[in-house]
Structure formats: structure tokens, C-alpha cells
Amino acid sequence: MGSSKALQAAKVYRHLLKAVKKHIGKDENKTHFTDYISQQFRNNTQQSDLSSTYIQHKIKLARDYTFLLNSVHHQMDLLFSYNIAVDRSDEMKRILGKSAASVGLQLPEVYQP
């Protein structure tokens, strides 16, 4: 692979792994997702006899899957935020916790008897 194609593949690989870890999880029972992705990228980089169009097709599929995964979870978040019939206190706690963490603070635990 050329250096520009290798850099492009590495960038797509990083984005795909980041999306999988964020939206699917990093638990021990979910490592087969990241293992499969790593195996596919290693196989394609080690085999030099693959055509350039095949590699570009695989990179495009990985990019499209990353976009799909991020979009589906973004849409789920939007749907949950629009539903006013659902108790949103847990969502608000999560949002407030993220806001506090962004400035280096931590929300105190609320006492519930």
C-alpha cells in the first residue's frame, strides 16, 4: 500500500475502533468486535497481492459502518431527549455530571433514605 493509502486506512481504523468502544462497549464479553476489526485490517495490510480497488472498497465499508454506528446512537439520544413521558432525571444527572467533569468538578452523591 502507498503511504497515503496506509495513512487513510489507519485513520479509518482508529475512528472505527473508537466508535465501537464508545457505542458497543469495552467489556470482556464484547472484545470479539474489536478483535475482528483488528484482524481484518491486519489481513488487508499484510497481503500485498490484493488489488487497490478491493482495499479501497474495504476502507469505504469501514468508514460507512463507523458513520452508521455513530448516527444510530446519536438518533437514539435524540429520541430519548424528545420523549417527555419518560423520567429524565437519570439523563439530567448524566448531563450535569459531564458538565461538571468538563471543568474539573464532581457532583456529590445525593442522600436517599
C-alpha atoms as a PDB file:
ATOM      1  CA  MET A   1       0.000   0.000   0.000  1.00  0.00           C
ATOM      2  CA  GLY A   2       1.128   3.534  -0.664  1.00  0.00           C
ATOM      3  CA  SER A   3       1.874   5.806   2.244  1.00  0.00           C
ATOM      4  CA  SER A   4      -1.216   7.964   1.680  1.00  0.00           C
ATOM      5  CA  LYS A   5      -3.437   4.880   1.490  1.00  0.00           C
ATOM      6  CA  ALA A   6      -1.826   3.483   4.615  1.00  0.00           C
ATOM      7  CA  LEU A   7      -2.445   6.737   6.483  1.00  0.00           C
ATOM      8  CA  GLN A   8      -6.039   6.787   5.270  1.00  0.00           C
ATOM      9  CA  ALA A   9      -6.546   3.177   6.386  1.00  0.00           C
ATOM     10  CA  ALA A  10      -5.003   3.910   9.797  1.00  0.00           C
ATOM     11  CA  LYS A  11      -7.281   6.917  10.270  1.00  0.00           C
ATOM     12  CA  VAL A  12     -10.393   4.911   9.357  1.00  0.00           C
ATOM     13  CA  TYR A  13      -9.225   2.077  11.630  1.00  0.00           C
ATOM     14  CA  ARG A  14      -8.801   4.441  14.598  1.00  0.00           C
ATOM     15  CA  HIS A  15     -12.218   6.041  14.050  1.00  0.00           C
ATOM     16  CA  LEU A  16     -13.921   2.652  13.730  1.00  0.00           C
ATOM     17  CA  LEU A  17     -12.325   1.289  16.904  1.00  0.00           C
ATOM     18  CA  LYS A  18     -13.220   4.466  18.781  1.00  0.00           C
ATOM     19  CA  ALA A  19     -16.876   4.219  17.672  1.00  0.00           C
ATOM     20  CA  VAL A  20     -17.093   0.531  18.575  1.00  0.00           C
ATOM     21  CA  LYS A  21     -15.571   1.080  22.010  1.00  0.00           C
ATOM     22  CA  LYS A  22     -17.851   4.053  22.672  1.00  0.00           C
ATOM     23  CA  HIS A  23     -21.153   2.634  21.466  1.00  0.00           C
ATOM     24  CA  ILE A  24     -20.791  -1.143  21.845  1.00  0.00           C
ATOM     25  CA  GLY A  25     -18.523  -1.205  24.860  1.00  0.00           C
ATOM     26  CA  LYS A  26     -15.177  -2.408  26.125  1.00  0.00           C
ATOM     27  CA  ASP A  27     -16.457  -5.243  28.310  1.00  0.00           C
ATOM     28  CA  GLU A  28     -14.736  -8.619  28.248  1.00  0.00           C
ATOM     29  CA  ASN A  29     -17.717 -10.274  26.563  1.00  0.00           C
ATOM     30  CA  LYS A  30     -17.651  -7.702  23.734  1.00  0.00           C
ATOM     31  CA  THR A  31     -13.991  -7.874  22.751  1.00  0.00           C
ATOM     32  CA  HIS A  32     -14.771 -10.050  19.747  1.00  0.00           C
ATOM     33  CA  PHE A  33     -15.934  -6.911  17.890  1.00  0.00           C
ATOM     34  CA  THR A  34     -12.606  -5.141  18.255  1.00  0.00           C
ATOM     35  CA  ASP A  35     -10.683  -8.386  17.667  1.00  0.00           C
ATOM     36  CA  TYR A  36     -12.487  -8.944  14.363  1.00  0.00           C
ATOM     37  CA  ILE A  37     -11.846  -5.378  13.217  1.00  0.00           C
ATOM     38  CA  SER A  38      -8.157  -5.625  14.105  1.00  0.00           C
ATOM     39  CA  GLN A  39      -7.856  -8.963  12.328  1.00  0.00           C
ATOM     40  CA  GLN A  40      -9.473  -7.629   9.138  1.00  0.00           C
ATOM     41  CA  PHE A  41      -7.217  -4.576   8.984  1.00  0.00           C
ATOM     42  CA  ARG A  42      -4.105  -6.671   9.660  1.00  0.00           C
ATOM     43  CA  ASN A  43      -5.040  -9.202   6.965  1.00  0.00           C
ATOM     44  CA  ASN A  44      -5.527  -6.487   4.367  1.00  0.00           C
ATOM     45  CA  THR A  45      -2.249  -4.742   5.177  1.00  0.00           C
ATOM     46  CA  GLN A  46      -0.198  -7.965   5.166  1.00  0.00           C
ATOM     47  CA  GLN A  47      -1.494  -9.222   1.817  1.00  0.00           C
ATOM     48  CA  SER A  48       0.215  -7.197  -0.874  1.00  0.00           C
ATOM     49  CA  ASP A  49      -1.421  -9.115  -3.734  1.00  0.00           C
ATOM     50  CA  LEU A  50      -4.839  -7.569  -3.098  1.00  0.00           C
ATOM     51  CA  SER A  51      -5.995  -5.093  -5.677  1.00  0.00           C
ATOM     52  CA  SER A  52      -6.139  -1.418  -4.844  1.00  0.00           C
ATOM     53  CA  THR A  53      -9.873  -1.231  -5.597  1.00  0.00           C
ATOM     54  CA  TYR A  54     -10.571  -4.077  -3.156  1.00  0.00           C
ATOM     55  CA  ILE A  55      -8.684  -2.304  -0.377  1.00  0.00           C
ATOM     56  CA  GLN A  56     -10.411   0.997  -1.147  1.00  0.00           C
ATOM     57  CA  HIS A  57     -13.759  -0.815  -1.042  1.00  0.00           C
ATOM     58  CA  LYS A  58     -12.954  -2.281   2.390  1.00  0.00           C
ATOM     59  CA  ILE A  59     -11.872   1.138   3.681  1.00  0.00           C
ATOM     60  CA  LYS A  60     -15.092   2.691   2.383  1.00  0.00           C
ATOM     61  CA  LEU A  61     -17.141  -0.045   4.106  1.00  0.00           C
ATOM     62  CA  ALA A  62     -15.331   0.609   7.391  1.00  0.00           C
ATOM     63  CA  ARG A  63     -15.903   4.361   7.069  1.00  0.00           C
ATOM     64  CA  ASP A  64     -19.588   3.831   6.259  1.00  0.00           C
ATOM     65  CA  TYR A  65     -20.047   1.466   9.206  1.00  0.00           C
ATOM     66  CA  THR A  66     -18.422   3.984  11.535  1.00  0.00           C
ATOM     67  CA  PHE A  67     -20.782   6.675  10.271  1.00  0.00           C
ATOM     68  CA  LEU A  68     -23.788   4.347  10.669  1.00  0.00           C
ATOM     69  CA  LEU A  69     -22.829   3.365  14.211  1.00  0.00           C
ATOM     70  CA  ASN A  70     -22.355   6.978  15.302  1.00  0.00           C
ATOM     71  CA  SER A  71     -25.562   8.099  13.576  1.00  0.00           C
ATOM     72  CA  VAL A  72     -27.745   5.376  15.081  1.00  0.00           C
ATOM     73  CA  HIS A  73     -26.601   6.179  18.593  1.00  0.00           C
ATOM     74  CA  HIS A  74     -26.976   9.912  18.011  1.00  0.00           C
ATOM     75  CA  GLN A  75     -30.531   9.327  16.801  1.00  0.00           C
ATOM     76  CA  MET A  76     -31.275   7.194  19.887  1.00  0.00           C
ATOM     77  CA  ASP A  77     -30.057  10.005  22.122  1.00  0.00           C
ATOM     78  CA  LEU A  78     -32.254  12.485  20.276  1.00  0.00           C
ATOM     79  CA  LEU A  79     -35.317  10.251  20.531  1.00  0.00           C
ATOM     80  CA  PHE A  80     -34.799   9.807  24.265  1.00  0.00           C
ATOM     81  CA  SER A  81     -34.367  13.541  24.746  1.00  0.00           C
ATOM     82  CA  TYR A  82     -37.633  14.327  22.888  1.00  0.00           C
ATOM     83  CA  ASN A  83     -39.745  11.835  24.834  1.00  0.00           C
ATOM     84  CA  ILE A  84     -41.241  13.847  27.685  1.00  0.00           C
ATOM     85  CA  ALA A  85     -43.226  10.890  29.084  1.00  0.00           C
ATOM     86  CA  VAL A  86     -40.012   9.188  30.217  1.00  0.00           C
ATOM     87  CA  ASP A  87     -38.437  10.049  33.561  1.00  0.00           C
ATOM     88  CA  ARG A  88     -35.454  12.118  32.516  1.00  0.00           C
ATOM     89  CA  SER A  89     -33.845  12.544  35.923  1.00  0.00           C
ATOM     90  CA  ASP A  90     -31.125   9.961  35.166  1.00  0.00           C
ATOM     91  CA  GLU A  91     -30.394  11.650  31.843  1.00  0.00           C
ATOM     92  CA  MET A  92     -30.186  15.041  33.531  1.00  0.00           C
ATOM     93  CA  LYS A  93     -27.825  13.661  36.187  1.00  0.00           C
ATOM     94  CA  ARG A  94     -25.598  12.291  33.424  1.00  0.00           C
ATOM     95  CA  ILE A  95     -25.598  15.620  31.567  1.00  0.00           C
ATOM     96  CA  LEU A  96     -24.874  17.583  34.746  1.00  0.00           C
ATOM     97  CA  GLY A  97     -22.114  15.129  35.643  1.00  0.00           C
ATOM     98  CA  LYS A  98     -20.488  15.601  32.233  1.00  0.00           C
ATOM     99  CA  SER A  99     -20.756  19.377  32.549  1.00  0.00           C
ATOM    100  CA  ALA A 100     -19.192  19.334  35.987  1.00  0.00           C
ATOM    101  CA  ALA A 101     -16.437  16.970  34.862  1.00  0.00           C
ATOM    102  CA  SER A 102     -15.571  19.242  31.949  1.00  0.00           C
ATOM    103  CA  VAL A 103     -14.465  21.937  34.407  1.00  0.00           C
ATOM    104  CA  GLY A 104     -12.824  19.507  36.836  1.00  0.00           C
ATOM    105  CA  LEU A 105     -15.610  19.154  39.378  1.00  0.00           C
ATOM    106  CA  GLN A 106     -17.550  16.152  40.612  1.00  0.00           C
ATOM    107  CA  LEU A 107     -21.202  16.170  41.681  1.00  0.00           C
ATOM    108  CA  PRO A 108     -21.869  14.987  45.230  1.00  0.00           C
ATOM    109  CA  GLU A 109     -23.858  11.837  45.848  1.00  0.00           C
ATOM    110  CA  VAL A 110     -27.475  12.596  46.784  1.00  0.00           C
ATOM    111  CA  TYR A 111     -28.625  11.063  50.051  1.00  0.00           C
ATOM    112  CA  GLN A 112     -31.736   8.920  49.684  1.00  0.00           C
ATOM    113  CA  PRO A 113     -33.138   7.364  52.871  1.00  0.00           C
END
